[in-house]
């Protein structure tokens, strides 16, 4: 249950960090890339049953 909630929150953060607004275009893909990596790690841990 905790893993599912964590995964949903991280996916929402990933969508929110996508550089689509004028003030964040200069950031590049670092915020969404970092959150994407965290989402992948959480997915792997959920599949392996660690979370």
PDB file of N, CA and C in Angstrom:
ATOM      1  N   UNK A   1       0.819  -1.197   0.000  1.00  0.00           N
ATOM      2  CA  UNK A   1       0.000   0.000   0.000  1.00  0.00           C
ATOM      3  C   UNK A   1       0.863   1.261   0.000  1.00  0.00           C
ATOM      4  N   UNK A   2       1.886   1.271   0.826  1.00  0.00           N
ATOM      5  CA  UNK A   2       2.774   2.426   0.885  1.00  0.00           C
ATOM      6  C   UNK A   2       3.496   2.634  -0.442  1.00  0.00           C
ATOM      7  N   UNK A   3       3.893   1.536  -1.072  1.00  0.00           N
ATOM      8  CA  UNK A   3       4.579   1.630  -2.359  1.00  0.00           C
ATOM      9  C   UNK A   3       3.704   2.238  -3.433  1.00  0.00           C
ATOM     10  N   UNK A   4       2.428   1.894  -3.431  1.00  0.00           N
ATOM     11  CA  UNK A   4       1.501   2.441  -4.420  1.00  0.00           C
ATOM     12  C   UNK A   4       1.303   3.938  -4.217  1.00  0.00           C
ATOM     13  N   UNK A   5       1.145   4.345  -2.977  1.00  0.00           N
ATOM     14  CA  UNK A   5       0.981   5.772  -2.679  1.00  0.00           C
ATOM     15  C   UNK A   5       2.243   6.536  -3.063  1.00  0.00           C
ATOM     16  N   UNK A   6       3.393   5.993  -2.729  1.00  0.00           N
ATOM     17  CA  UNK A   6       4.660   6.626  -3.070  1.00  0.00           C
ATOM     18  C   UNK A   6       4.828   6.736  -4.574  1.00  0.00           C
ATOM     19  N   UNK A   7       4.454   5.700  -5.292  1.00  0.00           N
ATOM     20  CA  UNK A   7       4.561   5.709  -6.742  1.00  0.00           C
ATOM     21  C   UNK A   7       3.655   6.766  -7.360  1.00  0.00           C
ATOM     22  N   UNK A   8       2.434   6.889  -6.881  1.00  0.00           N
ATOM     23  CA  UNK A   8       1.507   7.899  -7.405  1.00  0.00           C
ATOM     24  C   UNK A   8       2.032   9.301  -7.140  1.00  0.00           C
ATOM     25  N   UNK A   9       2.530   9.536  -5.946  1.00  0.00           N
ATOM     26  CA  UNK A   9       3.080  10.858  -5.612  1.00  0.00           C
ATOM     27  C   UNK A   9       4.278  11.180  -6.498  1.00  0.00           C
ATOM     28  N   UNK A  10       5.155  10.220  -6.712  1.00  0.00           N
ATOM     29  CA  UNK A  10       6.331  10.470  -7.551  1.00  0.00           C
ATOM     30  C   UNK A  10       5.949  10.710  -9.002  1.00  0.00           C
ATOM     31  N   UNK A  11       4.948  10.022  -9.508  1.00  0.00           N
ATOM     32  CA  UNK A  11       4.503  10.259 -10.882  1.00  0.00           C
ATOM     33  C   UNK A  11       3.910  11.660 -11.016  1.00  0.00           C
ATOM     34  N   UNK A  12       3.145  12.089 -10.020  1.00  0.00           N
ATOM     35  CA  UNK A  12       2.614  13.451 -10.049  1.00  0.00           C
ATOM     36  C   UNK A  12       3.733  14.488  -9.999  1.00  0.00           C
ATOM     37  N   UNK A  13       4.760  14.232  -9.205  1.00  0.00           N
ATOM     38  CA  UNK A  13       5.910  15.145  -9.165  1.00  0.00           C
ATOM     39  C   UNK A  13       6.636  15.165 -10.507  1.00  0.00           C
ATOM     40  N   UNK A  14       6.725  14.015 -11.157  1.00  0.00           N
ATOM     41  CA  UNK A  14       7.375  13.933 -12.468  1.00  0.00           C
ATOM     42  C   UNK A  14       6.617  14.766 -13.492  1.00  0.00           C
ATOM     43  N   UNK A  15       5.299  14.685 -13.473  1.00  0.00           N
ATOM     44  CA  UNK A  15       4.498  15.487 -14.395  1.00  0.00           C
ATOM     45  C   UNK A  15       4.656  16.970 -14.080  1.00  0.00           C
ATOM     46  N   UNK A  16       4.687  17.317 -12.808  1.00  0.00           N
ATOM     47  CA  UNK A  16       4.832  18.709 -12.410  1.00  0.00           C
ATOM     48  C   UNK A  16       6.197  19.295 -12.720  1.00  0.00           C
ATOM     49  N   UNK A  17       7.219  18.462 -12.795  1.00  0.00           N
ATOM     50  CA  UNK A  17       8.574  18.951 -13.054  1.00  0.00           C
ATOM     51  C   UNK A  17       8.896  19.043 -14.534  1.00  0.00           C
ATOM     52  N   UNK A  18       7.989  18.608 -15.390  1.00  0.00           N
ATOM     53  CA  UNK A  18       8.242  18.662 -16.833  1.00  0.00           C
ATOM     54  C   UNK A  18       8.373  20.114 -17.274  1.00  0.00           C
ATOM     55  N   UNK A  19       9.480  20.462 -17.960  1.00  0.00           N
ATOM     56  CA  UNK A  19       9.729  21.872 -18.305  1.00  0.00           C
ATOM     57  C   UNK A  19       8.842  22.353 -19.455  1.00  0.00           C
ATOM     58  N   UNK A  20       7.594  22.666 -19.167  1.00  0.00           N
ATOM     59  CA  UNK A  20       6.665  23.091 -20.209  1.00  0.00           C
ATOM     60  C   UNK A  20       6.241  24.545 -20.063  1.00  0.00           C
ATOM     61  N   UNK A  21       6.596  25.193 -18.966  1.00  0.00           N
ATOM     62  CA  UNK A  21       6.166  26.558 -18.734  1.00  0.00           C
ATOM     63  C   UNK A  21       7.320  27.512 -19.004  1.00  0.00           C
ATOM     64  N   UNK A  22       7.012  28.750 -19.358  1.00  0.00           N
ATOM     65  CA  UNK A  22       8.080  29.699 -19.729  1.00  0.00           C
ATOM     66  C   UNK A  22       9.147  29.886 -18.655  1.00  0.00           C
ATOM     67  N   UNK A  23       8.770  29.905 -17.384  1.00  0.00           N
ATOM     68  CA  UNK A  23       9.766  30.142 -16.340  1.00  0.00           C
ATOM     69  C   UNK A  23      10.687  28.948 -16.120  1.00  0.00           C
ATOM     70  N   UNK A  24      10.316  27.754 -16.614  1.00  0.00           N
ATOM     71  CA  UNK A  24      11.138  26.575 -16.369  1.00  0.00           C
ATOM     72  C   UNK A  24      11.810  26.033 -17.623  1.00  0.00           C
ATOM     73  N   UNK A  25      11.700  26.721 -18.727  1.00  0.00           N
ATOM     74  CA  UNK A  25      12.309  26.213 -19.967  1.00  0.00           C
ATOM     75  C   UNK A  25      13.840  26.179 -19.880  1.00  0.00           C
ATOM     76  N   UNK A  26      14.423  27.063 -19.122  1.00  0.00           N
ATOM     77  CA  UNK A  26      15.873  27.099 -18.992  1.00  0.00           C
ATOM     78  C   UNK A  26      16.437  26.010 -18.099  1.00  0.00           C
ATOM     79  N   UNK A  27      15.587  25.283 -17.393  1.00  0.00           N
ATOM     80  CA  UNK A  27      16.047  24.245 -16.480  1.00  0.00           C
ATOM     81  C   UNK A  27      16.528  23.007 -17.221  1.00  0.00           C
ATOM     82  N   UNK A  28      16.083  22.819 -18.450  1.00  0.00           N
ATOM     83  CA  UNK A  28      16.408  21.595 -19.167  1.00  0.00           C
ATOM     84  C   UNK A  28      15.578  20.436 -18.637  1.00  0.00           C
ATOM     85  N   UNK A  29      16.112  19.236 -18.766  1.00  0.00           N
ATOM     86  CA  UNK A  29      15.374  18.052 -18.331  1.00  0.00           C
ATOM     87  C   UNK A  29      15.884  17.502 -17.002  1.00  0.00           C
ATOM     88  N   UNK A  30      16.694  18.249 -16.288  1.00  0.00           N
ATOM     89  CA  UNK A  30      17.235  17.761 -15.018  1.00  0.00           C
ATOM     90  C   UNK A  30      16.172  17.457 -13.972  1.00  0.00           C
ATOM     91  N   UNK A  31      15.193  18.343 -13.727  1.00  0.00           N
ATOM     92  CA  UNK A  31      14.191  18.011 -12.691  1.00  0.00           C
ATOM     93  C   UNK A  31      13.366  16.776 -13.043  1.00  0.00           C
ATOM     94  N   UNK A  32      12.867  16.706 -14.259  1.00  0.00           N
ATOM     95  CA  UNK A  32      12.042  15.561 -14.633  1.00  0.00           C
ATOM     96  C   UNK A  32      12.891  14.307 -14.801  1.00  0.00           C
ATOM     97  N   UNK A  33      14.124  14.452 -15.219  1.00  0.00           N
ATOM     98  CA  UNK A  33      15.003  13.293 -15.352  1.00  0.00           C
ATOM     99  C   UNK A  33      15.353  12.677 -14.014  1.00  0.00           C
ATOM    100  N   UNK A  34      15.607  13.523 -13.037  1.00  0.00           N
ATOM    101  CA  UNK A  34      15.913  13.032 -11.692  1.00  0.00           C
ATOM    102  C   UNK A  34      14.701  12.344 -11.079  1.00  0.00           C
ATOM    103  N   UNK A  35      13.539  12.968 -11.204  1.00  0.00           N
ATOM    104  CA  UNK A  35      12.327  12.349 -10.672  1.00  0.00           C
ATOM    105  C   UNK A  35      11.984  11.073 -11.439  1.00  0.00           C
ATOM    106  N   UNK A  36      12.248  11.054 -12.731  1.00  0.00           N
ATOM    107  CA  UNK A  36      12.021   9.840 -13.513  1.00  0.00           C
ATOM    108  C   UNK A  36      12.883   8.687 -13.032  1.00  0.00           C
ATOM    109  N   UNK A  37      14.130   8.982 -12.701  1.00  0.00           N
ATOM    110  CA  UNK A  37      15.020   7.961 -12.161  1.00  0.00           C
ATOM    111  C   UNK A  37      14.507   7.441 -10.821  1.00  0.00           C
ATOM    112  N   UNK A  38      14.021   8.338  -9.984  1.00  0.00           N
ATOM    113  CA  UNK A  38      13.460   7.914  -8.696  1.00  0.00           C
ATOM    114  C   UNK A  38      12.229   7.044  -8.904  1.00  0.00           C
ATOM    115  N   UNK A  39      11.378   7.403  -9.872  1.00  0.00           N
ATOM    116  CA  UNK A  39      10.188   6.597 -10.169  1.00  0.00           C
ATOM    117  C   UNK A  39      10.590   5.206 -10.629  1.00  0.00           C
ATOM    118  N   UNK A  40      11.597   5.104 -11.484  1.00  0.00           N
ATOM    119  CA  UNK A  40      12.065   3.790 -11.953  1.00  0.00           C
ATOM    120  C   UNK A  40      12.581   2.956 -10.784  1.00  0.00           C
ATOM    121  N   UNK A  41      13.337   3.557  -9.888  1.00  0.00           N
ATOM    122  CA  UNK A  41      13.865   2.836  -8.731  1.00  0.00           C
ATOM    123  C   UNK A  41      12.730   2.349  -7.842  1.00  0.00           C
ATOM    124  N   UNK A  42      11.724   3.203  -7.613  1.00  0.00           N
ATOM    125  CA  UNK A  42      10.587   2.799  -6.787  1.00  0.00           C
ATOM    126  C   UNK A  42       9.804   1.675  -7.447  1.00  0.00           C
ATOM    127  N   UNK A  43       9.624   1.740  -8.770  1.00  0.00           N
ATOM    128  CA  UNK A  43       8.917   0.662  -9.478  1.00  0.00           C
ATOM    129  C   UNK A  43       9.657  -0.654  -9.325  1.00  0.00           C
ATOM    130  N   UNK A  44      10.967  -0.637  -9.460  1.00  0.00           N
ATOM    131  CA  UNK A  44      11.762  -1.852  -9.310  1.00  0.00           C
ATOM    132  C   UNK A  44      11.630  -2.397  -7.887  1.00  0.00           C
ATOM    133  N   UNK A  45      11.689  -1.526  -6.891  1.00  0.00           N
ATOM    134  CA  UNK A  45      11.558  -1.981  -5.509  1.00  0.00           C
ATOM    135  C   UNK A  45      10.172  -2.545  -5.216  1.00  0.00           C
ATOM    136  N   UNK A  46       9.127  -1.938  -5.812  1.00  0.00           N
ATOM    137  CA  UNK A  46       7.770  -2.465  -5.613  1.00  0.00           C
ATOM    138  C   UNK A  46       7.642  -3.834  -6.260  1.00  0.00           C
ATOM    139  N   UNK A  47       8.192  -3.993  -7.456  1.00  0.00           N
ATOM    140  CA  UNK A  47       8.110  -5.285  -8.140  1.00  0.00           C
ATOM    141  C   UNK A  47       8.875  -6.358  -7.383  1.00  0.00           C
ATOM    142  N   UNK A  48      10.005  -6.007  -6.804  1.00  0.00           N
ATOM    143  CA  UNK A  48      10.796  -6.980  -6.053  1.00  0.00           C
ATOM    144  C   UNK A  48      10.245  -7.225  -4.653  1.00  0.00           C
ATOM    145  N   UNK A  49       9.254  -6.450  -4.233  1.00  0.00           N
ATOM    146  CA  UNK A  49       8.632  -6.645  -2.931  1.00  0.00           C
ATOM    147  C   UNK A  49       9.381  -6.019  -1.780  1.00  0.00           C
ATOM    148  N   UNK A  50      10.268  -5.076  -2.053  1.00  0.00           N
ATOM    149  CA  UNK A  50      11.033  -4.436  -0.998  1.00  0.00           C
ATOM    150  C   UNK A  50      10.253  -3.314  -0.324  1.00  0.00           C
ATOM    151  N   UNK A  51       9.244  -2.797  -0.992  1.00  0.00           N
ATOM    152  CA  UNK A  51       8.425  -1.708  -0.432  1.00  0.00           C
ATOM    153  C   UNK A  51       7.001  -2.243  -0.308  1.00  0.00           C
TER     154      UNK A  51
END
